[in-house]
Amino acid sequence: MTGTTSEELLAAQACLRLLHTARAALSDTATVSPAAAATLLAGPIAEADDALRRAGLAGNEAVLLDRIYDLAPPPRSPEPPAAAGHAPVSRSCAREGDWS
């Protein structure tokens, strides 16, 4: 997170909360009416708008996305190749003890 200020980090977190809330509120339109979804999203939208303004990121999507990517965990290192002559075992097989 080199160069990311705490205000930028807070803005990125607020935007991610808004994204997750929007996904949850809009994923089941049979259960959640548009009016109810709007009510559920009002708080997270206001929080994200305020955080973006405080961080100076309002209208600067490129920098905002960089800050959001800074929140992601580092990529996992690739698994070592299978030993010669041995077939790789899937994780599910290894957990269940099925070696076929």
C-alpha atoms as a PDB file:
ATOM      1  CA  MET A   1       0.000   0.000   0.000  1.00  0.00           C
ATOM      2  CA  THR A   2       2.807   2.341  -0.809  1.00  0.00           C
ATOM      3  CA  GLY A   3       1.639   5.924  -1.012  1.00  0.00           C
ATOM      4  CA  THR A   4      -1.900   5.239   0.186  1.00  0.00           C
ATOM      5  CA  THR A   5      -3.035   7.707   2.824  1.00  0.00           C
ATOM      6  CA  SER A   6      -5.360   6.697   5.625  1.00  0.00           C
ATOM      7  CA  GLU A   7      -8.106   8.887   4.110  1.00  0.00           C
ATOM      8  CA  GLU A   8      -7.711   7.087   0.756  1.00  0.00           C
ATOM      9  CA  LEU A   9      -7.830   3.739   2.520  1.00  0.00           C
ATOM     10  CA  LEU A  10     -11.006   4.743   4.363  1.00  0.00           C
ATOM     11  CA  ALA A  11     -12.568   5.856   1.068  1.00  0.00           C
ATOM     12  CA  ALA A  12     -11.670   2.570  -0.618  1.00  0.00           C
ATOM     13  CA  GLN A  13     -13.149   0.612   2.288  1.00  0.00           C
ATOM     14  CA  ALA A  14     -16.345   2.685   2.169  1.00  0.00           C
ATOM     15  CA  CYS A  15     -16.696   2.011  -1.559  1.00  0.00           C
ATOM     16  CA  LEU A  16     -16.230  -1.709  -1.021  1.00  0.00           C
ATOM     17  CA  ARG A  17     -18.902  -1.673   1.703  1.00  0.00           C
ATOM     18  CA  LEU A  18     -21.209   0.117  -0.739  1.00  0.00           C
ATOM     19  CA  LEU A  19     -20.459  -2.481  -3.423  1.00  0.00           C
ATOM     20  CA  HIS A  20     -21.189  -5.405  -1.098  1.00  0.00           C
ATOM     21  CA  THR A  21     -24.359  -3.773   0.224  1.00  0.00           C
ATOM     22  CA  ALA A  22     -25.554  -3.068  -3.322  1.00  0.00           C
ATOM     23  CA  ARG A  23     -24.910  -6.661  -4.370  1.00  0.00           C
ATOM     24  CA  ALA A  24     -26.857  -7.963  -1.397  1.00  0.00           C
ATOM     25  CA  ALA A  25     -29.726  -5.500  -1.772  1.00  0.00           C
ATOM     26  CA  LEU A  26     -30.101  -5.955  -5.521  1.00  0.00           C
ATOM     27  CA  SER A  27     -29.410  -9.681  -5.817  1.00  0.00           C
ATOM     28  CA  ASP A  28     -32.942 -10.815  -5.010  1.00  0.00           C
ATOM     29  CA  THR A  29     -35.453  -8.439  -6.551  1.00  0.00           C
ATOM     30  CA  ALA A  30     -38.255 -10.863  -5.693  1.00  0.00           C
ATOM     31  CA  THR A  31     -37.635 -10.269  -1.986  1.00  0.00           C
ATOM     32  CA  VAL A  32     -36.274  -6.711  -1.891  1.00  0.00           C
ATOM     33  CA  SER A  33     -38.320  -4.026  -3.633  1.00  0.00           C
ATOM     34  CA  PRO A  34     -36.550  -1.161  -5.434  1.00  0.00           C
ATOM     35  CA  ALA A  35     -37.774   1.230  -2.722  1.00  0.00           C
ATOM     36  CA  ALA A  36     -36.364  -0.978   0.028  1.00  0.00           C
ATOM     37  CA  ALA A  37     -33.071  -1.344  -1.865  1.00  0.00           C
ATOM     38  CA  ALA A  38     -32.822   2.441  -2.190  1.00  0.00           C
ATOM     39  CA  THR A  39     -33.394   2.791   1.552  1.00  0.00           C
ATOM     40  CA  LEU A  40     -30.734   0.156   2.310  1.00  0.00           C
ATOM     41  CA  LEU A  41     -28.223   1.859   0.017  1.00  0.00           C
ATOM     42  CA  ALA A  42     -28.754   5.452   1.199  1.00  0.00           C
ATOM     43  CA  GLY A  43     -26.383   5.158   4.175  1.00  0.00           C
ATOM     44  CA  PRO A  44     -23.514   3.423   2.355  1.00  0.00           C
ATOM     45  CA  ILE A  45     -23.818   5.864  -0.581  1.00  0.00           C
ATOM     46  CA  ALA A  46     -23.594   8.862   1.766  1.00  0.00           C
ATOM     47  CA  GLU A  47     -20.655   7.275   3.621  1.00  0.00           C
ATOM     48  CA  ALA A  48     -18.776   6.576   0.373  1.00  0.00           C
ATOM     49  CA  ASP A  49     -19.459  10.071  -1.003  1.00  0.00           C
ATOM     50  CA  ASP A  50     -18.200  11.687   2.197  1.00  0.00           C
ATOM     51  CA  ALA A  51     -15.103   9.471   2.377  1.00  0.00           C
ATOM     52  CA  LEU A  52     -14.269  10.149  -1.288  1.00  0.00           C
ATOM     53  CA  ARG A  53     -14.555  13.916  -0.748  1.00  0.00           C
ATOM     54  CA  ARG A  54     -12.350  13.825   2.376  1.00  0.00           C
ATOM     55  CA  ALA A  55      -9.699  11.813   0.518  1.00  0.00           C
ATOM     56  CA  GLY A  56      -9.810  14.053  -2.546  1.00  0.00           C
ATOM     57  CA  LEU A  57     -10.875  11.121  -4.709  1.00  0.00           C
ATOM     58  CA  ALA A  58     -14.317  12.342  -5.786  1.00  0.00           C
ATOM     59  CA  GLY A  59     -14.315  12.138  -9.576  1.00  0.00           C
ATOM     60  CA  ASN A  60     -10.911  10.434  -9.694  1.00  0.00           C
ATOM     61  CA  GLU A  61     -11.837   6.831 -10.439  1.00  0.00           C
ATOM     62  CA  ALA A  62      -8.345   5.724 -11.534  1.00  0.00           C
ATOM     63  CA  VAL A  63      -6.757   6.599  -8.188  1.00  0.00           C
ATOM     64  CA  LEU A  64      -9.758   5.203  -6.306  1.00  0.00           C
ATOM     65  CA  LEU A  65      -9.434   1.854  -8.085  1.00  0.00           C
ATOM     66  CA  ASP A  66      -5.711   1.761  -7.274  1.00  0.00           C
ATOM     67  CA  ARG A  67      -6.588   2.239  -3.592  1.00  0.00           C
ATOM     68  CA  ILE A  68      -9.213  -0.515  -3.773  1.00  0.00           C
ATOM     69  CA  TYR A  69      -6.678  -2.878  -5.354  1.00  0.00           C
ATOM     70  CA  ASP A  70      -4.310  -2.008  -2.495  1.00  0.00           C
ATOM     71  CA  LEU A  71      -6.848  -3.630  -0.150  1.00  0.00           C
ATOM     72  CA  ALA A  72      -6.643  -6.989  -1.919  1.00  0.00           C
ATOM     73  CA  PRO A  73      -4.451  -9.651  -0.351  1.00  0.00           C
ATOM     74  CA  PRO A  74      -1.204 -10.346  -2.218  1.00  0.00           C
ATOM     75  CA  PRO A  75      -1.469 -13.023  -4.919  1.00  0.00           C
ATOM     76  CA  ARG A  76      -0.776 -16.553  -3.809  1.00  0.00           C
ATOM     77  CA  SER A  77       2.416 -18.097  -5.057  1.00  0.00           C
ATOM     78  CA  PRO A  78       1.888 -20.891  -7.563  1.00  0.00           C
ATOM     79  CA  GLU A  79       1.952 -24.413  -6.236  1.00  0.00           C
ATOM     80  CA  PRO A  80       5.122 -26.386  -7.004  1.00  0.00           C
ATOM     81  CA  PRO A  81       4.852 -28.756  -9.973  1.00  0.00           C
ATOM     82  CA  ALA A  82       3.968 -32.371  -9.242  1.00  0.00           C
ATOM     83  CA  ALA A  83       6.888 -34.730  -8.670  1.00  0.00           C
ATOM     84  CA  ALA A  84       7.908 -36.757 -11.712  1.00  0.00           C
ATOM     85  CA  GLY A  85       5.903 -39.939 -12.056  1.00  0.00           C
ATOM     86  CA  HIS A  86       3.202 -38.871  -9.581  1.00  0.00           C
ATOM     87  CA  ALA A  87      -0.194 -37.629 -10.664  1.00  0.00           C
ATOM     88  CA  PRO A  88      -1.290 -34.448  -8.931  1.00  0.00           C
ATOM     89  CA  VAL A  89      -3.935 -34.932  -6.263  1.00  0.00           C
ATOM     90  CA  SER A  90      -6.764 -32.431  -6.149  1.00  0.00           C
ATOM     91  CA  ARG A  91      -7.312 -30.707  -2.839  1.00  0.00           C
ATOM     92  CA  SER A  92     -10.761 -32.259  -2.464  1.00  0.00           C
ATOM     93  CA  CYS A  93      -9.357 -35.760  -3.010  1.00  0.00           C
ATOM     94  CA  ALA A  94      -6.556 -35.151  -0.545  1.00  0.00           C
ATOM     95  CA  ARG A  95      -9.037 -34.023   2.097  1.00  0.00           C
ATOM     96  CA  GLU A  96     -11.327 -36.973   1.539  1.00  0.00           C
ATOM     97  CA  GLY A  97      -8.554 -39.539   1.280  1.00  0.00           C
ATOM     98  CA  ASP A  98      -9.628 -40.642  -2.234  1.00  0.00           C
ATOM     99  CA  TRP A  99      -6.381 -41.321  -4.088  1.00  0.00           C
ATOM    100  CA  SER A 100      -7.896 -42.857  -7.220  1.00  0.00           C
END
